């Protein structure tokens, strides 16, 4: 008879074999710098090669010489309608704001003009009163009052 511990180990091993890893087994490092990965479908062996930075940079610069002007011209034609629409929108917004500012200034100037007119009217009334007050009076007999009938 098999012991309980042995039976549990055997069941665990069977379950582990029955459930394959979704991406195969994890790659393991081989001393030569080669990654070895085995999947249930097919064994794959990949070599990691060093990257030649100079060659990569020269290819990138060569592609950029052609690609940057092409992207610039394409972006110009693609973005021109959008930029024009935005500029018209902000121009209209700015003119609406300018009109509202001018309207407020005109209203303020009208209020000041009305205030000046009222002040001038009061000054004219005061000057007329002062003129009447300073004018020489005729005879005191001509002045009529409540006690003048005596």
N, C-alpha and C. Protein backbone atom coordinates (compact mmCIF):
# COMPACT_ATOMS: atom_id res chain seq x y z
N UNK A 1 0.83 -1.19 0.00
CA UNK A 1 0.00 0.00 0.00
C UNK A 1 0.87 1.25 0.00
N UNK A 2 0.31 2.20 -0.64
CA UNK A 2 1.03 3.46 -0.76
C UNK A 2 0.60 4.34 0.40
N UNK A 3 1.58 5.07 0.93
CA UNK A 3 1.27 5.97 2.02
C UNK A 3 0.49 7.20 1.52
N UNK A 4 -0.12 7.87 2.44
CA UNK A 4 -0.95 9.04 2.11
C UNK A 4 -0.08 10.14 1.49
N UNK A 5 1.10 10.37 2.01
CA UNK A 5 1.96 11.43 1.50
C UNK A 5 2.41 11.11 0.08
N UNK A 6 2.75 9.84 -0.17
CA UNK A 6 3.18 9.46 -1.51
C UNK A 6 2.03 9.61 -2.51
N UNK A 7 0.83 9.21 -2.09
CA UNK A 7 -0.32 9.31 -2.97
C UNK A 7 -0.61 10.78 -3.32
N UNK A 8 -0.50 11.69 -2.35
CA UNK A 8 -0.72 13.12 -2.60
C UNK A 8 0.33 13.68 -3.56
N UNK A 9 1.59 13.27 -3.38
CA UNK A 9 2.63 13.72 -4.29
C UNK A 9 2.38 13.25 -5.72
N UNK A 10 1.96 12.03 -5.87
CA UNK A 10 1.68 11.49 -7.19
C UNK A 10 0.51 12.23 -7.84
N UNK A 11 -0.56 12.52 -7.09
CA UNK A 11 -1.70 13.26 -7.65
C UNK A 11 -1.29 14.68 -8.05
N UNK A 12 -0.47 15.29 -7.24
CA UNK A 12 -0.01 16.64 -7.55
C UNK A 12 0.82 16.64 -8.84
N UNK A 13 1.70 15.67 -9.02
CA UNK A 13 2.53 15.56 -10.22
C UNK A 13 1.65 15.32 -11.45
N UNK A 14 0.62 14.48 -11.32
CA UNK A 14 -0.28 14.23 -12.45
C UNK A 14 -1.06 15.48 -12.85
N UNK A 15 -1.51 16.23 -11.85
CA UNK A 15 -2.24 17.48 -12.14
C UNK A 15 -1.33 18.49 -12.83
N UNK A 16 -0.08 18.58 -12.39
CA UNK A 16 0.85 19.53 -12.98
C UNK A 16 1.14 19.17 -14.44
N UNK A 17 1.21 17.89 -14.77
CA UNK A 17 1.45 17.47 -16.14
C UNK A 17 0.20 17.65 -17.00
N UNK A 18 -0.96 17.48 -16.43
CA UNK A 18 -2.21 17.59 -17.19
C UNK A 18 -2.50 19.05 -17.55
N UNK A 19 -2.05 20.00 -16.76
CA UNK A 19 -2.28 21.44 -16.99
C UNK A 19 -1.05 22.05 -17.64
N UNK A 20 -1.01 22.23 -18.95
CA UNK A 20 0.17 22.85 -19.55
C UNK A 20 0.17 24.36 -19.29
N UNK A 21 1.34 24.93 -19.27
CA UNK A 21 1.48 26.38 -19.09
C UNK A 21 0.87 27.06 -20.31
N UNK A 22 0.14 28.16 -20.15
CA UNK A 22 -0.54 28.76 -21.30
C UNK A 22 0.43 29.22 -22.40
N UNK A 23 1.63 29.59 -22.06
CA UNK A 23 2.60 30.03 -23.05
C UNK A 23 3.76 29.04 -23.18
N UNK A 24 3.51 27.81 -22.90
CA UNK A 24 4.58 26.82 -22.90
C UNK A 24 5.32 26.91 -21.58
N UNK A 25 6.48 26.38 -21.50
CA UNK A 25 7.25 26.49 -20.27
C UNK A 25 8.04 27.79 -20.31
N UNK A 26 8.46 28.23 -19.17
CA UNK A 26 9.24 29.46 -19.10
C UNK A 26 10.60 29.22 -19.74
N UNK A 27 11.12 30.24 -20.42
CA UNK A 27 12.43 30.04 -21.04
C UNK A 27 13.50 29.88 -19.98
N UNK A 28 14.47 29.10 -20.27
CA UNK A 28 15.58 28.94 -19.34
C UNK A 28 16.85 29.36 -20.02
N UNK A 29 17.77 29.86 -19.25
CA UNK A 29 19.01 30.40 -19.79
C UNK A 29 19.99 29.26 -20.02
N UNK A 30 20.56 29.28 -21.19
CA UNK A 30 21.60 28.31 -21.54
C UNK A 30 22.91 29.09 -21.53
N UNK A 31 24.01 28.50 -21.13
CA UNK A 31 25.25 29.25 -20.96
C UNK A 31 25.73 30.03 -22.19
N UNK A 32 25.35 29.66 -23.40
CA UNK A 32 25.85 30.33 -24.60
C UNK A 32 25.08 31.61 -24.92
N UNK A 33 24.15 32.07 -24.08
CA UNK A 33 23.35 33.24 -24.37
C UNK A 33 22.17 32.92 -25.26
N UNK A 34 21.77 31.67 -25.29
CA UNK A 34 20.63 31.25 -26.10
C UNK A 34 19.49 30.95 -25.16
N UNK A 35 18.32 31.49 -25.48
CA UNK A 35 17.14 31.17 -24.70
C UNK A 35 16.51 29.92 -25.28
N UNK A 36 16.17 29.03 -24.41
CA UNK A 36 15.55 27.79 -24.87
C UNK A 36 14.15 27.73 -24.29
N UNK A 37 13.18 27.57 -25.14
CA UNK A 37 11.79 27.55 -24.69
C UNK A 37 11.11 26.37 -25.35
N UNK A 38 10.50 25.54 -24.56
CA UNK A 38 9.79 24.39 -25.09
C UNK A 38 8.31 24.59 -24.85
N UNK A 39 7.53 24.46 -25.89
CA UNK A 39 6.09 24.49 -25.72
C UNK A 39 5.55 23.14 -26.11
N UNK A 40 4.34 22.85 -25.73
CA UNK A 40 3.79 21.53 -26.07
C UNK A 40 3.67 21.35 -27.58
N UNK A 41 3.57 22.44 -28.35
CA UNK A 41 3.38 22.32 -29.79
C UNK A 41 4.70 22.12 -30.53
N UNK A 42 5.65 23.01 -30.28
CA UNK A 42 6.92 22.88 -30.98
C UNK A 42 8.04 23.49 -30.14
N UNK A 43 9.18 22.87 -30.12
CA UNK A 43 10.30 23.45 -29.38
C UNK A 43 10.89 24.63 -30.16
N UNK A 44 11.20 25.72 -29.45
CA UNK A 44 11.74 26.92 -30.07
C UNK A 44 13.05 27.25 -29.38
N UNK A 45 14.06 27.51 -30.16
CA UNK A 45 15.33 27.95 -29.62
C UNK A 45 15.66 29.26 -30.30
N UNK A 46 15.83 30.34 -29.51
CA UNK A 46 16.12 31.66 -30.06
C UNK A 46 17.46 32.13 -29.55
N UNK A 47 18.22 32.73 -30.43
CA UNK A 47 19.51 33.28 -30.03
C UNK A 47 19.35 34.78 -29.83
N UNK A 48 19.94 35.33 -28.79
CA UNK A 48 19.93 36.76 -28.53
C UNK A 48 21.20 37.33 -29.12
N UNK A 49 21.03 38.15 -30.16
CA UNK A 49 22.18 38.73 -30.83
C UNK A 49 22.41 40.13 -30.31
N UNK A 50 23.65 40.60 -30.28
CA UNK A 50 23.91 41.96 -29.83
C UNK A 50 23.38 42.97 -30.86
N UNK A 51 22.98 44.15 -30.39
CA UNK A 51 22.42 45.18 -31.25
C UNK A 51 23.54 46.11 -31.70
N UNK A 52 23.61 46.35 -32.99
CA UNK A 52 24.60 47.28 -33.53
C UNK A 52 23.97 48.67 -33.52
N UNK A 53 24.33 49.47 -32.52
CA UNK A 53 23.72 50.78 -32.31
C UNK A 53 24.04 51.72 -33.47
N UNK A 54 25.23 51.65 -34.01
CA UNK A 54 25.62 52.53 -35.11
C UNK A 54 24.77 52.26 -36.35
N UNK A 55 24.58 51.01 -36.67
CA UNK A 55 23.76 50.65 -37.83
C UNK A 55 22.30 51.06 -37.60
N UNK A 56 21.81 50.82 -36.40
CA UNK A 56 20.44 51.19 -36.09
C UNK A 56 20.24 52.69 -36.18
N UNK A 57 21.19 53.46 -35.67
CA UNK A 57 21.10 54.92 -35.72
C UNK A 57 21.19 55.44 -37.15
N UNK A 58 22.05 54.84 -37.97
CA UNK A 58 22.17 55.29 -39.36
C UNK A 58 20.90 54.98 -40.15
N UNK A 59 20.28 53.85 -39.91
CA UNK A 59 19.01 53.53 -40.57
C UNK A 59 17.93 54.50 -40.12
N UNK A 60 17.88 54.79 -38.86
CA UNK A 60 16.89 55.73 -38.33
C UNK A 60 17.06 57.12 -38.93
N UNK A 61 18.30 57.60 -39.02
CA UNK A 61 18.57 58.91 -39.59
C UNK A 61 18.25 58.93 -41.09
N UNK A 62 18.55 57.86 -41.78
CA UNK A 62 18.25 57.78 -43.21
C UNK A 62 16.75 57.83 -43.47
N UNK A 63 15.99 57.14 -42.67
CA UNK A 63 14.53 57.17 -42.81
C UNK A 63 14.00 58.54 -42.42
N UNK A 64 14.58 59.16 -41.42
CA UNK A 64 14.11 60.48 -40.96
C UNK A 64 14.29 61.55 -42.02
N UNK A 65 15.36 61.44 -42.82
CA UNK A 65 15.60 62.45 -43.87
C UNK A 65 14.42 62.51 -44.83
N UNK A 66 13.84 61.40 -45.14
CA UNK A 66 12.71 61.36 -46.06
C UNK A 66 11.39 61.52 -45.31
N UNK A 67 11.29 60.92 -44.15
CA UNK A 67 10.01 60.86 -43.45
C UNK A 67 9.58 62.20 -42.85
N UNK A 68 10.50 62.98 -42.33
CA UNK A 68 10.14 64.25 -41.67
C UNK A 68 9.51 65.24 -42.65
N UNK A 69 10.08 65.49 -43.83
CA UNK A 69 9.40 66.41 -44.76
C UNK A 69 8.03 65.88 -45.22
N UNK A 70 7.94 64.58 -45.44
CA UNK A 70 6.65 64.01 -45.85
C UNK A 70 5.62 64.21 -44.76
N UNK A 71 6.00 63.95 -43.51
CA UNK A 71 5.06 64.17 -42.40
C UNK A 71 4.69 65.64 -42.25
N UNK A 72 5.66 66.54 -42.47
CA UNK A 72 5.38 67.96 -42.36
C UNK A 72 4.38 68.43 -43.40
N UNK A 73 4.58 68.01 -44.64
CA UNK A 73 3.64 68.41 -45.71
C UNK A 73 2.27 67.81 -45.47
N UNK A 74 2.23 66.57 -45.05
CA UNK A 74 0.94 65.93 -44.77
C UNK A 74 0.23 66.63 -43.63
N UNK A 75 0.97 66.95 -42.58
CA UNK A 75 0.35 67.62 -41.43
C UNK A 75 -0.14 69.00 -41.82
N UNK A 76 0.59 69.69 -42.70
CA UNK A 76 0.17 71.03 -43.12
C UNK A 76 -1.18 70.96 -43.81
N UNK A 77 -1.32 70.02 -44.76
CA UNK A 77 -2.59 69.92 -45.48
C UNK A 77 -3.70 69.37 -44.59
N UNK A 78 -3.36 68.52 -43.67
CA UNK A 78 -4.39 67.94 -42.79
C UNK A 78 -4.85 68.93 -41.73
N UNK A 79 -3.93 69.74 -41.21
CA UNK A 79 -4.27 70.63 -40.10
C UNK A 79 -4.69 72.03 -40.53
N UNK A 80 -4.49 72.39 -41.79
CA UNK A 80 -4.80 73.74 -42.25
C UNK A 80 -6.26 74.12 -42.03
N UNK A 81 -7.24 73.28 -42.39
CA UNK A 81 -8.64 73.66 -42.14
C UNK A 81 -8.95 73.82 -40.65
N UNK A 82 -8.36 72.99 -39.84
CA UNK A 82 -8.60 73.08 -38.40
C UNK A 82 -8.04 74.37 -37.83
N UNK A 83 -6.84 74.72 -38.24
CA UNK A 83 -6.20 75.94 -37.75
C UNK A 83 -6.99 77.16 -38.21
N UNK A 84 -7.44 77.17 -39.46
CA UNK A 84 -8.23 78.29 -39.96
C UNK A 84 -9.54 78.43 -39.21
N UNK A 85 -10.20 77.31 -38.95
CA UNK A 85 -11.47 77.35 -38.21
C UNK A 85 -11.25 77.88 -36.79
N UNK A 86 -10.18 77.44 -36.15
CA UNK A 86 -9.89 77.93 -34.80
C UNK A 86 -9.56 79.42 -34.81
N UNK A 87 -8.81 79.87 -35.82
CA UNK A 87 -8.47 81.29 -35.87
C UNK A 87 -9.72 82.14 -36.11
N UNK A 88 -10.63 81.68 -36.98
CA UNK A 88 -11.89 82.41 -37.18
C UNK A 88 -12.71 82.44 -35.90
N UNK A 89 -12.75 81.32 -35.20
CA UNK A 89 -13.52 81.26 -33.96
C UNK A 89 -12.98 82.26 -32.94
N UNK A 90 -11.66 82.28 -32.76
CA UNK A 90 -11.08 83.19 -31.77
C UNK A 90 -11.15 84.64 -32.22
N UNK A 91 -11.11 84.89 -33.55
CA UNK A 91 -11.28 86.25 -34.03
C UNK A 91 -12.69 86.76 -33.72
N UNK A 92 -13.69 85.92 -33.98
CA UNK A 92 -15.07 86.31 -33.68
C UNK A 92 -15.26 86.50 -32.19
N UNK A 93 -14.68 85.61 -31.42
CA UNK A 93 -14.79 85.73 -29.96
C UNK A 93 -14.15 87.02 -29.49
N UNK A 94 -12.98 87.35 -30.06
CA UNK A 94 -12.29 88.58 -29.69
C UNK A 94 -13.08 89.81 -30.11
N UNK A 95 -13.71 89.78 -31.30
CA UNK A 95 -14.48 90.93 -31.74
C UNK A 95 -15.74 91.08 -30.89
N UNK A 96 -16.36 89.98 -30.49
CA UNK A 96 -17.53 90.06 -29.61
C UNK A 96 -17.15 90.67 -28.26
N UNK A 97 -15.99 90.28 -27.76
CA UNK A 97 -15.52 90.84 -26.49
C UNK A 97 -15.20 92.32 -26.66
N UNK A 98 -14.61 92.68 -27.79
CA UNK A 98 -14.28 94.09 -28.04
C UNK A 98 -15.56 94.92 -28.12
N UNK A 99 -16.58 94.39 -28.78
CA UNK A 99 -17.85 95.10 -28.89
C UNK A 99 -18.48 95.29 -27.51
N UNK A 100 -18.46 94.24 -26.70
CA UNK A 100 -19.05 94.36 -25.36
C UNK A 100 -18.27 95.37 -24.51
N UNK A 101 -16.95 95.40 -24.66
CA UNK A 101 -16.14 96.39 -23.92
C UNK A 101 -16.49 97.80 -24.39
N UNK A 102 -16.61 97.99 -25.71
CA UNK A 102 -16.97 99.31 -26.23
C UNK A 102 -18.36 99.73 -25.77
N UNK A 103 -19.30 98.78 -25.73
CA UNK A 103 -20.65 99.10 -25.25
C UNK A 103 -20.61 99.57 -23.80
N UNK A 104 -19.83 98.88 -22.98
CA UNK A 104 -19.72 99.29 -21.57
C UNK A 104 -19.08 100.67 -21.45
N UNK A 105 -18.06 100.93 -22.26
CA UNK A 105 -17.42 102.25 -22.22
C UNK A 105 -18.38 103.35 -22.65
N UNK A 106 -19.17 103.07 -23.70
CA UNK A 106 -20.14 104.07 -24.17
C UNK A 106 -21.19 104.33 -23.09
N UNK A 107 -21.67 103.30 -22.44
CA UNK A 107 -22.67 103.48 -21.38
C UNK A 107 -22.08 104.31 -20.25
N UNK A 108 -20.82 104.06 -19.89
CA UNK A 108 -20.18 104.82 -18.83
C UNK A 108 -20.02 106.28 -19.24
N UNK A 109 -19.63 106.51 -20.49
CA UNK A 109 -19.49 107.89 -20.97
C UNK A 109 -20.84 108.61 -21.00
N UNK A 110 -21.90 107.91 -21.36
CA UNK A 110 -23.24 108.52 -21.34
C UNK A 110 -23.64 108.90 -19.92
N UNK A 111 -23.33 108.03 -18.95
CA UNK A 111 -23.63 108.35 -17.55
C UNK A 111 -22.84 109.58 -17.12
N UNK A 112 -21.59 109.65 -17.50
CA UNK A 112 -20.79 110.83 -17.12
C UNK A 112 -21.33 112.09 -17.79
N UNK A 113 -21.77 112.00 -19.03
CA UNK A 113 -22.33 113.15 -19.72
C UNK A 113 -23.60 113.64 -19.05
N UNK A 114 -24.46 112.72 -18.64
CA UNK A 114 -25.68 113.10 -17.92
C UNK A 114 -25.33 113.76 -16.59
N UNK A 115 -24.32 113.22 -15.90
CA UNK A 115 -23.89 113.81 -14.63
C UNK A 115 -23.36 115.23 -14.85
N UNK A 116 -22.59 115.43 -15.92
CA UNK A 116 -22.07 116.77 -16.23
C UNK A 116 -23.22 117.72 -16.54
N UNK A 117 -24.22 117.26 -17.30
CA UNK A 117 -25.37 118.11 -17.62
C UNK A 117 -26.10 118.53 -16.35
N UNK A 118 -26.30 117.60 -15.42
CA UNK A 118 -26.98 117.94 -14.15
C UNK A 118 -26.17 118.96 -13.37
N UNK A 119 -24.83 118.76 -13.32
CA UNK A 119 -23.99 119.71 -12.59
C UNK A 119 -24.02 121.10 -13.24
N UNK A 120 -24.01 121.16 -14.56
CA UNK A 120 -24.07 122.45 -15.25
C UNK A 120 -25.41 123.12 -14.98
N UNK A 121 -26.50 122.36 -14.97
CA UNK A 121 -27.82 122.92 -14.70
C UNK A 121 -27.86 123.50 -13.28
N UNK A 122 -27.30 122.76 -12.32
CA UNK A 122 -27.27 123.28 -10.94
C UNK A 122 -26.43 124.54 -10.86
N UNK A 123 -25.28 124.56 -11.55
CA UNK A 123 -24.42 125.74 -11.54
C UNK A 123 -25.14 126.95 -12.16
N UNK A 124 -25.88 126.70 -13.23
CA UNK A 124 -26.63 127.79 -13.85
C UNK A 124 -27.70 128.33 -12.91
N UNK A 125 -28.39 127.41 -12.21
CA UNK A 125 -29.41 127.84 -11.26
C UNK A 125 -28.77 128.63 -10.12
N UNK A 126 -27.62 128.17 -9.64
CA UNK A 126 -26.92 128.86 -8.56
C UNK A 126 -26.44 130.24 -9.03
N UNK A 127 -25.90 130.32 -10.23
CA UNK A 127 -25.44 131.61 -10.77
C UNK A 127 -26.62 132.56 -10.96
N UNK A 128 -27.76 132.07 -11.41
CA UNK A 128 -28.94 132.91 -11.58
C UNK A 128 -29.43 133.42 -10.23
N UNK A 129 -29.40 132.54 -9.22
CA UNK A 129 -29.82 132.94 -7.87
C UNK A 129 -28.88 134.02 -7.33
N UNK A 130 -27.55 133.81 -7.52
CA UNK A 130 -26.57 134.80 -7.05
C UNK A 130 -26.77 136.14 -7.77
N UNK A 131 -27.06 136.12 -9.07
CA UNK A 131 -27.28 137.33 -9.82
C UNK A 131 -28.51 138.08 -9.30
N UNK A 132 -29.58 137.35 -9.03
CA UNK A 132 -30.79 137.98 -8.50
C UNK A 132 -30.55 138.54 -7.11
N UNK A 133 -29.74 137.83 -6.35
CA UNK A 133 -29.46 138.27 -4.99
C UNK A 133 -28.58 139.53 -5.00
N UNK A 134 -27.66 139.63 -5.91
CA UNK A 134 -26.76 140.76 -5.97
C UNK A 134 -27.37 141.98 -6.69
N UNK A 135 -28.46 141.83 -7.38
CA UNK A 135 -29.08 142.94 -8.11
C UNK A 135 -29.63 143.96 -7.12
N UNK A 136 -29.48 145.24 -7.45
CA UNK A 136 -30.00 146.27 -6.51
C UNK A 136 -31.53 146.24 -6.49
N UNK A 137 -32.04 146.41 -5.34
CA UNK A 137 -33.49 146.42 -5.21
C UNK A 137 -34.00 147.84 -5.45
N UNK A 138 -35.19 147.94 -5.87
CA UNK A 138 -35.77 149.26 -6.13
C UNK A 138 -36.22 149.83 -4.79
N UNK A 139 -37.20 150.53 -4.66
CA UNK A 139 -37.63 151.18 -3.42
C UNK A 139 -38.13 150.14 -2.44
N UNK A 140 -37.86 150.43 -1.18
CA UNK A 140 -38.39 149.51 -0.18
C UNK A 140 -39.90 149.57 -0.12
N UNK A 141 -40.49 150.63 -0.59
CA UNK A 141 -41.95 150.75 -0.56
C UNK A 141 -42.57 149.78 -1.54
N UNK A 142 -41.86 149.49 -2.55
CA UNK A 142 -42.41 148.58 -3.54
C UNK A 142 -42.36 147.13 -3.08
N UNK A 143 -41.55 146.91 -2.09
CA UNK A 143 -41.46 145.54 -1.58
C UNK A 143 -42.72 145.27 -0.79
N UNK A 144 -43.41 144.29 -1.14
CA UNK A 144 -44.63 143.95 -0.46
C UNK A 144 -44.39 142.76 0.41
N UNK A 145 -44.99 142.78 1.53
CA UNK A 145 -44.84 141.67 2.43
C UNK A 145 -46.10 141.54 3.26
N UNK A 146 -46.12 140.67 4.22
CA UNK A 146 -47.33 140.47 5.01
C UNK A 146 -47.66 141.69 5.87
N UNK A 147 -46.64 142.45 6.32
CA UNK A 147 -46.91 143.59 7.18
C UNK A 147 -46.82 144.92 6.42
N UNK A 148 -46.83 144.92 5.14
CA UNK A 148 -46.63 146.13 4.34
C UNK A 148 -47.93 146.94 4.19
N UNK A 149 -49.07 146.51 4.61
CA UNK A 149 -50.33 147.23 4.47
C UNK A 149 -50.61 148.15 5.63
N UNK A 150 -49.81 148.37 6.45
CA UNK A 150 -50.06 149.19 7.61
C UNK A 150 -50.07 150.62 7.36
